[in-house]
Amino acid sequence: MSAPTSIPSRDAKPRIAIIGAGPAGLMAADVLARADAEVTIYDAMPSPGRKFLLAGRGGLNLTHSEDLEALLARYGAAAAYLRPAIEEFSPQALRAWCAELGEPTFIGTSGRVFPLSFKASPLLRAWLKRLAASGVTFMPRHRWTGWDANGAIAFEGPAGPVARDADALVLALGGASWPRLGSDGSWTEILGAAGIGMAPLRPANCGFRVDWSEIFRTRFVGTPIKGASFSYAGRHLRGEATITHSGIEGGAIYALSAALREAIATNGEALLHIALRPDLSAEDIEARLRRQSEGRKPSLSNLLRKALKLSPVAISLLHEARLGTAEHLSALAPDRLAQLINAVPARITGIAPLARAISTAGGILFGEIDENFMLRHRPGVFIAGEMLDWEAPTGGYLLQACFATGAATGRGALAWVKESAPAFAAD
């Protein structure tokens, strides 16, 4: 980005370029357009909001209704840096913003917040319509390649290389998950070459590899494990997970993904435990097993099904846990079987590819930006969304931070332009 080539006139508008047409970039544009800035959004894809639409395929989880302090704690070490942005554009503010667009929201039974339509497409359509009516220009099929020799913003456009000037630049290029939707992490090479400090991009909210037996894998791929509790490193999470061809994924696994990922990086593996009947104590499970087998000798599968209502996949998980051991599952005494049922070990041996993750950990270090999300060593360049070094579990926390940091960069870019070029300031 280059400095303005001439002193702007009193009736000039600040020219802001935004690269990335996901939720963070669109929110920055929304804030700037309301302030009467001249906004142009560039994106490598043919249409905006592609990953946003994917996120809403099963219901658009916009944010969470829990107490603000509890919500901020979901961001771990990054919470202190994200706090001002999320306090300024809180879940309540986000819900009010949705209502302005004609898409009121509701709180689900889990505390998650969704639009009444439950879909992403109506909200995105209304949003894009308002941005266009506010004068925002969209430039699709423009892949950012950095800056040219004159400091202009460089792109590879539909007809070849192009360069554009702006008074400020907002980068909202996303992480590196689901690259086919536009977030491919290629910006790391550009900013890395410019000396910007970054943590390596890593999968977040991702699946993990488990070396299932061929029989188990073939029979249960795509099958959910329901009503279970998953635990690792002292954390216990009720939820659902799904067996994949190479391992396991799902909401409960995603919530543990940061700890599992770091353990694999350090030790090469991690031991996840699954409680198949977390509502019952080991003593209760043992008593049910004994009662069901009194006076009869049912098969083990029938015993587990009738006494504990275990599903076929749950029963097979117990068999998987005993593979390679000297003692078969059917040889376990009721007390030992009861203990296993609520602590089934699953050895995690690897991480699903980054391209398959829901979101990305790592990115630009917070020490590289100021309180307005501007790069300290590249004045006038602002960073929003998943490009920054934070992660959060699913549940609305990902979009909340993307919206909030997008809004923060919009405010920051406007303030910087007015400060650096006083002619833009209001009379």
Protein backbone atom coordinates (compact mmCIF):
# COMPACT_ATOMS: atom_id res chain seq x y z
CA MET A 1 0.00 0.00 0.00
CA SER A 2 1.35 3.40 -0.90
CA ALA A 3 0.77 6.75 0.74
CA PRO A 4 -1.76 9.13 -0.89
CA THR A 5 -0.16 10.71 -3.96
CA SER A 6 -1.74 14.08 -3.25
CA ILE A 7 -3.45 15.92 -0.41
CA PRO A 8 -7.13 14.95 -0.54
CA SER A 9 -9.74 17.64 -0.98
CA ARG A 10 -12.28 18.42 1.68
CA ASP A 11 -15.01 16.56 -0.18
CA ALA A 12 -12.88 13.43 -0.79
CA LYS A 13 -13.76 10.13 0.80
CA PRO A 14 -11.16 7.84 2.35
CA ARG A 15 -10.42 4.97 -0.06
CA ILE A 16 -10.22 1.66 1.76
CA ALA A 17 -9.30 -1.61 0.09
CA ILE A 18 -10.40 -4.86 1.72
CA ILE A 19 -8.99 -8.19 0.62
CA GLY A 20 -11.20 -11.11 1.56
CA ALA A 21 -14.98 -11.36 1.21
CA GLY A 22 -15.64 -13.56 4.22
CA PRO A 23 -17.42 -12.43 7.39
CA ALA A 24 -14.45 -10.42 8.72
CA GLY A 25 -13.88 -8.55 5.47
CA LEU A 26 -17.58 -7.93 4.89
CA MET A 27 -17.99 -6.61 8.43
CA ALA A 28 -15.06 -4.23 7.97
CA ALA A 29 -16.76 -3.00 4.79
CA ASP A 30 -20.06 -2.57 6.64
CA VAL A 31 -18.46 -0.36 9.30
CA LEU A 32 -16.55 1.70 6.72
CA ALA A 33 -19.48 2.13 4.36
CA ARG A 34 -21.62 3.46 7.19
CA ALA A 35 -18.88 6.04 7.79
CA ASP A 36 -19.14 7.09 4.13
CA ALA A 37 -15.78 5.68 3.07
CA GLU A 38 -15.13 4.52 -0.48
CA VAL A 39 -14.78 0.76 -0.07
CA THR A 40 -13.60 -1.86 -2.55
CA ILE A 41 -13.58 -5.55 -1.64
CA TYR A 42 -11.23 -7.85 -3.56
CA ASP A 43 -11.51 -11.62 -3.41
CA ALA A 44 -9.91 -14.50 -5.30
CA MET A 45 -13.21 -16.38 -5.57
CA PRO A 46 -16.02 -15.72 -8.08
CA SER A 47 -18.51 -14.82 -5.33
CA PRO A 48 -18.36 -13.61 -1.70
CA GLY A 49 -18.95 -15.52 1.51
CA ARG A 50 -18.30 -19.05 0.27
CA LYS A 51 -17.00 -20.49 3.53
CA PHE A 52 -19.67 -18.50 5.40
CA LEU A 53 -22.29 -20.34 3.37
CA LEU A 54 -20.63 -23.67 4.12
CA ALA A 55 -20.62 -22.85 7.84
CA GLY A 56 -24.37 -22.39 7.67
CA ARG A 57 -25.09 -25.59 5.79
CA GLY A 58 -26.23 -27.38 8.95
CA GLY A 59 -27.54 -24.22 10.65
CA LEU A 60 -25.70 -20.90 10.91
CA ASN A 61 -24.34 -20.69 14.46
CA LEU A 62 -23.57 -16.96 14.69
CA THR A 63 -22.49 -16.59 18.30
CA HIS A 64 -23.22 -17.84 21.81
CA SER A 65 -25.51 -16.43 24.51
CA GLU A 66 -23.36 -17.27 27.51
CA ASP A 67 -21.96 -14.66 29.89
CA LEU A 68 -19.31 -12.48 28.23
CA GLU A 69 -16.54 -13.59 30.59
CA ALA A 70 -17.31 -17.24 29.90
CA LEU A 71 -17.39 -16.52 26.18
CA LEU A 72 -14.03 -14.72 26.25
CA ALA A 73 -12.46 -17.63 28.13
CA ARG A 74 -13.13 -19.81 25.06
CA TYR A 75 -10.34 -17.96 23.26
CA GLY A 76 -7.65 -19.05 25.72
CA ALA A 77 -4.45 -17.02 25.64
CA ALA A 78 -5.83 -14.78 22.88
CA ALA A 79 -8.76 -13.57 25.01
CA ALA A 80 -6.89 -10.52 26.32
CA TYR A 81 -6.17 -9.34 22.77
CA LEU A 82 -9.66 -10.05 21.46
CA ARG A 83 -11.53 -8.63 24.46
CA PRO A 84 -11.78 -4.97 23.30
CA ALA A 85 -13.10 -5.98 19.88
CA ILE A 86 -15.65 -8.45 21.29
CA GLU A 87 -16.76 -6.04 24.00
CA GLU A 88 -17.33 -3.40 21.29
CA PHE A 89 -19.16 -5.81 18.98
CA SER A 90 -20.64 -8.21 21.50
CA PRO A 91 -23.04 -11.11 20.91
CA GLN A 92 -25.88 -8.73 21.74
CA ALA A 93 -24.60 -6.23 19.18
CA LEU A 94 -24.28 -9.00 16.62
CA ARG A 95 -27.87 -10.07 17.19
CA ALA A 96 -29.05 -6.47 16.85
CA TRP A 97 -27.07 -6.16 13.60
CA CYS A 98 -28.79 -9.28 12.24
CA ALA A 99 -32.18 -7.84 13.14
CA GLU A 100 -31.30 -4.66 11.20
CA LEU A 101 -30.81 -6.83 8.14
CA GLY A 102 -34.25 -8.37 8.61
CA GLU A 103 -32.87 -11.63 10.02
CA PRO A 104 -33.82 -11.85 13.72
CA THR A 105 -32.13 -14.51 15.81
CA PHE A 106 -33.04 -17.04 18.48
CA ILE A 107 -31.17 -18.89 21.22
CA GLY A 108 -31.13 -22.65 20.90
CA THR A 109 -31.35 -25.11 23.77
CA SER A 110 -27.53 -25.28 23.96
CA GLY A 111 -27.21 -21.50 24.23
CA ARG A 112 -26.05 -21.13 20.65
CA VAL A 113 -27.49 -18.29 18.59
CA PHE A 114 -28.99 -18.84 15.12
CA PRO A 115 -30.97 -16.74 12.63
CA LEU A 116 -34.66 -17.60 12.61
CA SER A 117 -34.27 -18.89 9.06
CA PHE A 118 -31.49 -21.14 10.43
CA LYS A 119 -29.62 -20.58 7.15
CA ALA A 120 -26.68 -18.45 6.02
CA SER A 121 -27.95 -17.55 2.56
CA PRO A 122 -30.81 -15.16 3.52
CA LEU A 123 -28.52 -13.22 5.88
CA LEU A 124 -25.72 -13.05 3.32
CA ARG A 125 -28.09 -11.89 0.57
CA ALA A 126 -29.48 -9.10 2.75
CA TRP A 127 -25.96 -8.11 3.81
CA LEU A 128 -24.57 -7.96 0.28
CA LYS A 129 -27.60 -5.99 -0.87
CA ARG A 130 -27.02 -3.39 1.85
CA LEU A 131 -23.30 -3.15 1.10
CA ALA A 132 -23.98 -2.65 -2.60
CA ALA A 133 -26.59 0.02 -1.80
CA SER A 134 -23.97 1.76 0.36
CA GLY A 135 -21.62 2.01 -2.61
CA VAL A 136 -19.28 -0.89 -1.78
CA THR A 137 -17.58 -2.22 -4.91
CA PHE A 138 -16.87 -5.93 -5.29
CA MET A 139 -13.93 -7.15 -7.36
CA PRO A 140 -14.10 -10.97 -7.62
CA ARG A 141 -11.40 -13.18 -9.13
CA HIS A 142 -8.64 -10.90 -7.85
CA ARG A 143 -5.91 -12.86 -6.06
CA TRP A 144 -3.66 -10.72 -3.87
CA THR A 145 0.04 -11.07 -4.70
CA GLY A 146 1.49 -8.42 -2.36
CA TRP A 147 2.74 -4.97 -3.26
CA ASP A 148 4.43 -3.79 -6.45
CA ALA A 149 7.68 -1.83 -6.71
CA ASN A 150 5.78 1.44 -6.20
CA GLY A 151 4.01 0.21 -3.07
CA ALA A 152 0.63 -0.26 -4.76
CA ILE A 153 -1.54 -3.25 -3.86
CA ALA A 154 -0.91 -5.96 -6.45
CA PHE A 155 -3.37 -8.57 -7.76
CA GLU A 156 -3.60 -11.24 -10.38
CA GLY A 157 -6.93 -10.37 -11.96
CA PRO A 158 -9.03 -12.03 -14.66
CA ALA A 159 -7.09 -10.20 -17.38
CA GLY A 160 -3.66 -10.38 -15.73
CA PRO A 161 -1.69 -8.37 -13.16
CA VAL A 162 -3.24 -5.17 -11.81
CA ALA A 163 -2.20 -2.66 -9.13
CA ARG A 164 -4.43 -0.44 -7.02
CA ASP A 165 -3.82 2.39 -4.56
CA ALA A 166 -5.76 2.95 -1.35
CA ASP A 167 -5.51 5.09 1.75
CA ALA A 168 -5.72 2.01 4.00
CA LEU A 169 -5.83 -1.76 3.50
CA VAL A 170 -7.75 -4.38 5.49
CA LEU A 171 -6.53 -7.96 5.10
CA ALA A 172 -9.19 -10.57 5.93
CA LEU A 173 -7.96 -13.58 3.97
CA GLY A 174 -8.94 -16.28 6.48
CA GLY A 175 -6.84 -19.22 7.60
CA ALA A 176 -5.95 -22.28 5.53
CA SER A 177 -8.87 -24.65 6.07
CA TRP A 178 -11.13 -25.51 3.12
CA PRO A 179 -8.80 -23.96 0.51
CA ARG A 180 -11.24 -24.77 -2.29
CA LEU A 181 -13.47 -22.05 -0.81
CA GLY A 182 -10.72 -19.44 -0.91
CA SER A 183 -8.88 -19.68 2.42
CA ASP A 184 -5.65 -21.30 1.35
CA GLY A 185 -3.12 -19.51 3.59
CA SER A 186 -1.05 -18.27 0.62
CA TRP A 187 -0.82 -14.88 2.32
CA THR A 188 1.67 -16.35 4.82
CA GLU A 189 4.36 -16.30 2.14
CA ILE A 190 3.71 -12.66 1.28
CA LEU A 191 3.67 -11.40 4.87
CA GLY A 192 6.45 -13.75 5.94
CA ALA A 193 8.67 -12.25 3.23
CA ALA A 194 7.77 -8.82 4.60
CA GLY A 195 9.12 -9.84 8.03
CA ILE A 196 5.75 -10.17 9.80
CA GLY A 197 5.96 -12.63 12.72
CA MET A 198 3.61 -15.59 12.56
CA ALA A 199 2.83 -18.82 14.35
CA PRO A 200 2.56 -21.76 11.91
CA LEU A 201 -0.94 -22.46 10.64
CA ARG A 202 -2.33 -25.67 12.15
CA PRO A 203 -5.65 -27.52 12.08
CA ALA A 204 -8.23 -26.49 14.67
CA ASN A 205 -11.67 -28.01 15.29
CA CYS A 206 -10.46 -30.99 13.33
CA GLY A 207 -10.70 -34.74 13.20
CA PHE A 208 -7.99 -37.14 14.34
CA ARG A 209 -6.53 -40.40 13.20
CA VAL A 210 -7.28 -43.66 15.02
CA ASP A 211 -5.97 -46.93 13.63
CA TRP A 212 -9.25 -48.84 13.66
CA SER A 213 -9.33 -52.49 12.67
CA GLU A 214 -10.44 -53.08 9.09
CA ILE A 215 -13.64 -54.79 10.27
CA PHE A 216 -14.61 -51.90 12.53
CA ARG A 217 -13.71 -49.27 9.92
CA THR A 218 -15.68 -50.95 7.16
CA ARG A 219 -18.77 -51.52 9.27
CA PHE A 220 -19.01 -48.23 11.12
CA VAL A 221 -17.56 -45.48 8.92
CA GLY A 222 -19.99 -42.55 9.11
CA THR A 223 -21.69 -43.89 12.27
CA PRO A 224 -22.20 -41.45 15.16
CA ILE A 225 -21.35 -42.25 18.78
CA LYS A 226 -24.25 -40.73 20.70
CA GLY A 227 -24.85 -39.99 24.37
CA ALA A 228 -21.18 -40.39 25.25
CA SER A 229 -18.63 -38.31 27.11
CA PHE A 230 -15.13 -37.74 25.75
CA SER A 231 -12.21 -36.88 27.96
CA TYR A 232 -8.60 -35.87 27.66
CA ALA A 233 -6.16 -34.10 30.00
CA GLY A 234 -8.80 -33.64 32.70
CA ARG A 235 -11.50 -32.23 30.40
CA HIS A 236 -14.78 -34.14 30.05
CA LEU A 237 -17.21 -33.23 27.29
CA ARG A 238 -20.65 -34.66 26.63
CA GLY A 239 -21.49 -34.73 22.96
CA GLU A 240 -21.37 -36.64 19.75
CA ALA A 241 -18.58 -37.91 17.52
CA THR A 242 -18.53 -39.78 14.23
CA ILE A 243 -16.37 -42.66 13.09
CA THR A 244 -14.43 -41.80 9.92
CA HIS A 245 -12.44 -44.07 7.64
CA SER A 246 -9.21 -42.88 9.23
CA GLY A 247 -10.34 -41.99 12.75
CA ILE A 248 -12.86 -39.83 14.58
CA GLU A 249 -14.39 -36.35 14.31
CA GLY A 250 -17.33 -34.35 15.63
CA GLY A 251 -18.30 -31.59 18.03
CA ALA A 252 -16.96 -33.18 21.19
CA ILE A 253 -13.67 -34.01 19.47
CA TYR A 254 -13.36 -30.49 18.08
CA ALA A 255 -13.65 -29.06 21.57
CA LEU A 256 -10.65 -31.16 22.63
CA SER A 257 -8.69 -30.61 19.42
CA ALA A 258 -6.22 -28.00 20.70
CA ALA A 259 -5.03 -30.22 23.56
CA LEU A 260 -4.97 -33.35 21.40
CA ARG A 261 -3.06 -31.54 18.65
CA GLU A 262 -0.39 -30.27 21.03
CA ALA A 263 -0.01 -33.71 22.63
CA ILE A 264 0.53 -35.31 19.24
CA ALA A 265 3.09 -32.63 18.33
CA THR A 266 4.96 -33.35 21.57
CA ASN A 267 4.52 -37.11 22.06
CA GLY A 268 3.40 -38.42 18.69
CA GLU A 269 0.11 -39.70 20.12
CA ALA A 270 -2.60 -39.07 22.70
CA LEU A 271 -4.99 -41.33 24.58
CA LEU A 272 -8.62 -40.25 24.40
CA HIS A 273 -11.16 -41.91 26.71
CA ILE A 274 -14.82 -42.41 25.87
CA ALA A 275 -17.52 -42.96 28.49
CA LEU A 276 -20.35 -44.84 26.79
CA ARG A 277 -22.80 -44.42 29.70
CA PRO A 278 -21.63 -41.24 31.45
CA ASP A 279 -24.97 -40.96 33.24
CA LEU A 280 -24.19 -44.11 35.26
CA SER A 281 -21.47 -44.81 37.80
CA ALA A 282 -19.27 -47.90 37.49
CA GLU A 283 -21.20 -49.41 40.41
CA ASP A 284 -24.54 -48.85 38.66
CA ILE A 285 -23.23 -50.36 35.44
CA GLU A 286 -21.90 -53.42 37.26
CA ALA A 287 -25.19 -53.92 39.08
CA ARG A 288 -27.14 -53.78 35.81
CA LEU A 289 -24.81 -56.28 34.19
CA ARG A 290 -25.18 -58.69 37.10
CA ARG A 291 -28.97 -58.38 37.21
CA GLN A 292 -29.34 -59.00 33.49
CA SER A 293 -27.17 -62.11 33.59
CA GLU A 294 -28.77 -63.70 36.68
CA GLY A 295 -30.08 -67.18 35.94
CA ARG A 296 -29.13 -66.99 32.26
CA LYS A 297 -26.08 -66.71 30.07
CA PRO A 298 -26.84 -64.17 27.33
CA SER A 299 -24.28 -63.41 24.69
CA LEU A 300 -22.06 -60.47 25.53
CA SER A 301 -23.63 -58.31 22.84
CA ASN A 302 -27.14 -59.07 24.10
CA LEU A 303 -26.07 -58.42 27.67
CA LEU A 304 -24.64 -55.02 26.82
CA ARG A 305 -27.61 -54.13 24.65
CA LYS A 306 -30.29 -55.15 27.15
CA ALA A 307 -28.61 -54.10 30.38
CA LEU A 308 -27.13 -50.81 29.18
CA LYS A 309 -28.83 -50.09 25.83
CA LEU A 310 -25.45 -49.83 24.13
CA SER A 311 -25.55 -49.38 20.36
CA PRO A 312 -23.66 -51.68 17.97
CA VAL A 313 -20.93 -49.10 17.45
CA ALA A 314 -20.51 -48.68 21.23
CA ILE A 315 -20.23 -52.45 21.73
CA SER A 316 -17.70 -52.69 18.90
CA LEU A 317 -15.66 -49.88 20.46
CA LEU A 318 -15.29 -52.11 23.53
CA HIS A 319 -14.04 -54.94 21.35
CA GLU A 320 -11.59 -52.56 19.62
CA ALA A 321 -10.20 -51.58 23.01
CA ARG A 322 -9.33 -55.22 23.78
CA LEU A 323 -7.69 -56.01 20.44
CA GLY A 324 -4.09 -57.07 20.92
CA THR A 325 -4.57 -57.80 24.62
CA ALA A 326 -4.26 -61.19 26.22
CA GLU A 327 -7.75 -61.11 27.70
CA HIS A 328 -10.81 -61.09 25.46
CA LEU A 329 -13.71 -58.75 26.26
CA SER A 330 -16.03 -61.66 27.14
CA ALA A 331 -13.53 -62.84 29.78
CA LEU A 332 -13.74 -59.61 31.82
CA ALA A 333 -15.49 -59.78 35.18
CA PRO A 334 -18.49 -57.43 35.54
CA ASP A 335 -16.58 -54.94 37.66
CA ARG A 336 -13.75 -54.63 35.13
CA LEU A 337 -16.19 -54.49 32.22
CA ALA A 338 -18.09 -51.70 33.99
CA GLN A 339 -14.89 -49.68 34.38
CA LEU A 340 -14.03 -50.15 30.71
CA ILE A 341 -17.47 -49.05 29.52
CA ASN A 342 -16.94 -45.59 30.93
CA ALA A 343 -13.26 -45.32 30.02
CA VAL A 344 -12.87 -46.84 26.56
CA PRO A 345 -9.40 -45.89 25.31
CA ALA A 346 -8.93 -44.65 21.74
CA ARG A 347 -5.32 -44.06 20.76
CA ILE A 348 -5.02 -40.90 18.67
CA THR A 349 -2.07 -41.23 16.32
CA GLY A 350 -2.39 -38.26 13.98
CA ILE A 351 -4.30 -35.15 12.93
CA ALA A 352 -6.65 -34.80 9.98
CA PRO A 353 -5.25 -32.59 7.18
CA LEU A 354 -5.49 -28.82 7.56
CA ALA A 355 -7.57 -28.61 4.40
CA ARG A 356 -10.29 -30.67 6.17
CA ALA A 357 -10.29 -28.71 9.43
CA ILE A 358 -13.18 -26.42 10.33
CA SER A 359 -10.81 -23.61 11.31
CA THR A 360 -7.16 -22.69 11.67
CA ALA A 361 -4.89 -22.14 14.65
CA GLY A 362 -1.80 -19.97 14.32
CA GLY A 363 -1.35 -16.88 12.20
CA ILE A 364 -0.04 -13.37 12.69
CA LEU A 365 1.22 -12.84 16.23
CA PHE A 366 -0.67 -10.29 18.29
CA GLY A 367 2.62 -8.55 19.05
CA GLU A 368 2.74 -7.56 15.37
CA ILE A 369 -0.42 -5.42 15.59
CA ASP A 370 -1.42 -2.41 17.67
CA GLU A 371 -4.64 -1.89 19.62
CA ASN A 372 -6.45 -1.03 16.36
CA PHE A 373 -5.35 -4.26 14.66
CA MET A 374 -2.87 -2.37 12.45
CA LEU A 375 0.50 -3.91 11.61
CA ARG A 376 3.15 -2.05 13.59
CA HIS A 377 5.69 -2.34 10.80
CA ARG A 378 3.29 -1.71 7.94
CA PRO A 379 1.25 1.39 8.84
CA GLY A 380 -2.15 1.53 7.19
CA VAL A 381 -2.47 -2.27 6.90
CA PHE A 382 -5.03 -3.89 9.22
CA ILE A 383 -5.57 -7.59 10.01
CA ALA A 384 -8.91 -9.27 10.78
CA GLY A 385 -10.36 -12.70 11.41
CA GLU A 386 -8.55 -16.03 11.18
CA MET A 387 -5.33 -14.47 9.88
CA LEU A 388 -4.56 -13.68 13.53
CA ASP A 389 -3.10 -16.16 16.02
CA TRP A 390 -6.23 -17.32 17.87
CA GLU A 391 -8.51 -20.32 17.89
CA ALA A 392 -11.80 -21.22 19.54
CA PRO A 393 -14.16 -24.19 19.67
CA THR A 394 -17.26 -24.45 17.54
CA GLY A 395 -20.40 -23.04 19.12
CA GLY A 396 -20.52 -19.55 17.59
CA TYR A 397 -17.14 -18.44 18.93
CA LEU A 398 -15.40 -18.57 15.54
CA LEU A 399 -17.84 -16.28 13.75
CA GLN A 400 -18.16 -13.99 16.78
CA ALA A 401 -14.43 -13.22 16.73
CA CYS A 402 -14.38 -12.85 12.94
CA PHE A 403 -17.26 -10.36 13.03
CA ALA A 404 -15.77 -8.47 15.98
CA THR A 405 -12.24 -8.17 14.58
CA GLY A 406 -13.66 -7.20 11.19
CA ALA A 407 -15.60 -4.38 12.82
CA ALA A 408 -12.49 -3.36 14.78
CA THR A 409 -10.36 -3.11 11.64
CA GLY A 410 -13.05 -1.00 9.98
CA ARG A 411 -12.99 1.45 12.87
CA GLY A 412 -9.20 1.33 13.06
CA ALA A 413 -8.70 1.97 9.34
CA LEU A 414 -11.06 4.93 9.39
CA ALA A 415 -9.36 6.46 12.45
CA TRP A 416 -5.89 5.98 10.96
CA VAL A 417 -6.82 7.59 7.64
CA LYS A 418 -8.34 10.58 9.40
CA GLU A 419 -5.28 10.94 11.61
CA SER A 420 -2.73 10.54 8.83
CA ALA A 421 -4.65 12.71 6.34
CA PRO A 422 -6.51 15.37 8.34
CA ALA A 423 -8.48 16.51 5.30
CA PHE A 424 -10.61 13.36 5.77
CA ALA A 425 -11.61 14.42 9.28
CA ALA A 426 -15.08 15.80 9.80
CA ASP A 427 -15.36 19.59 9.83
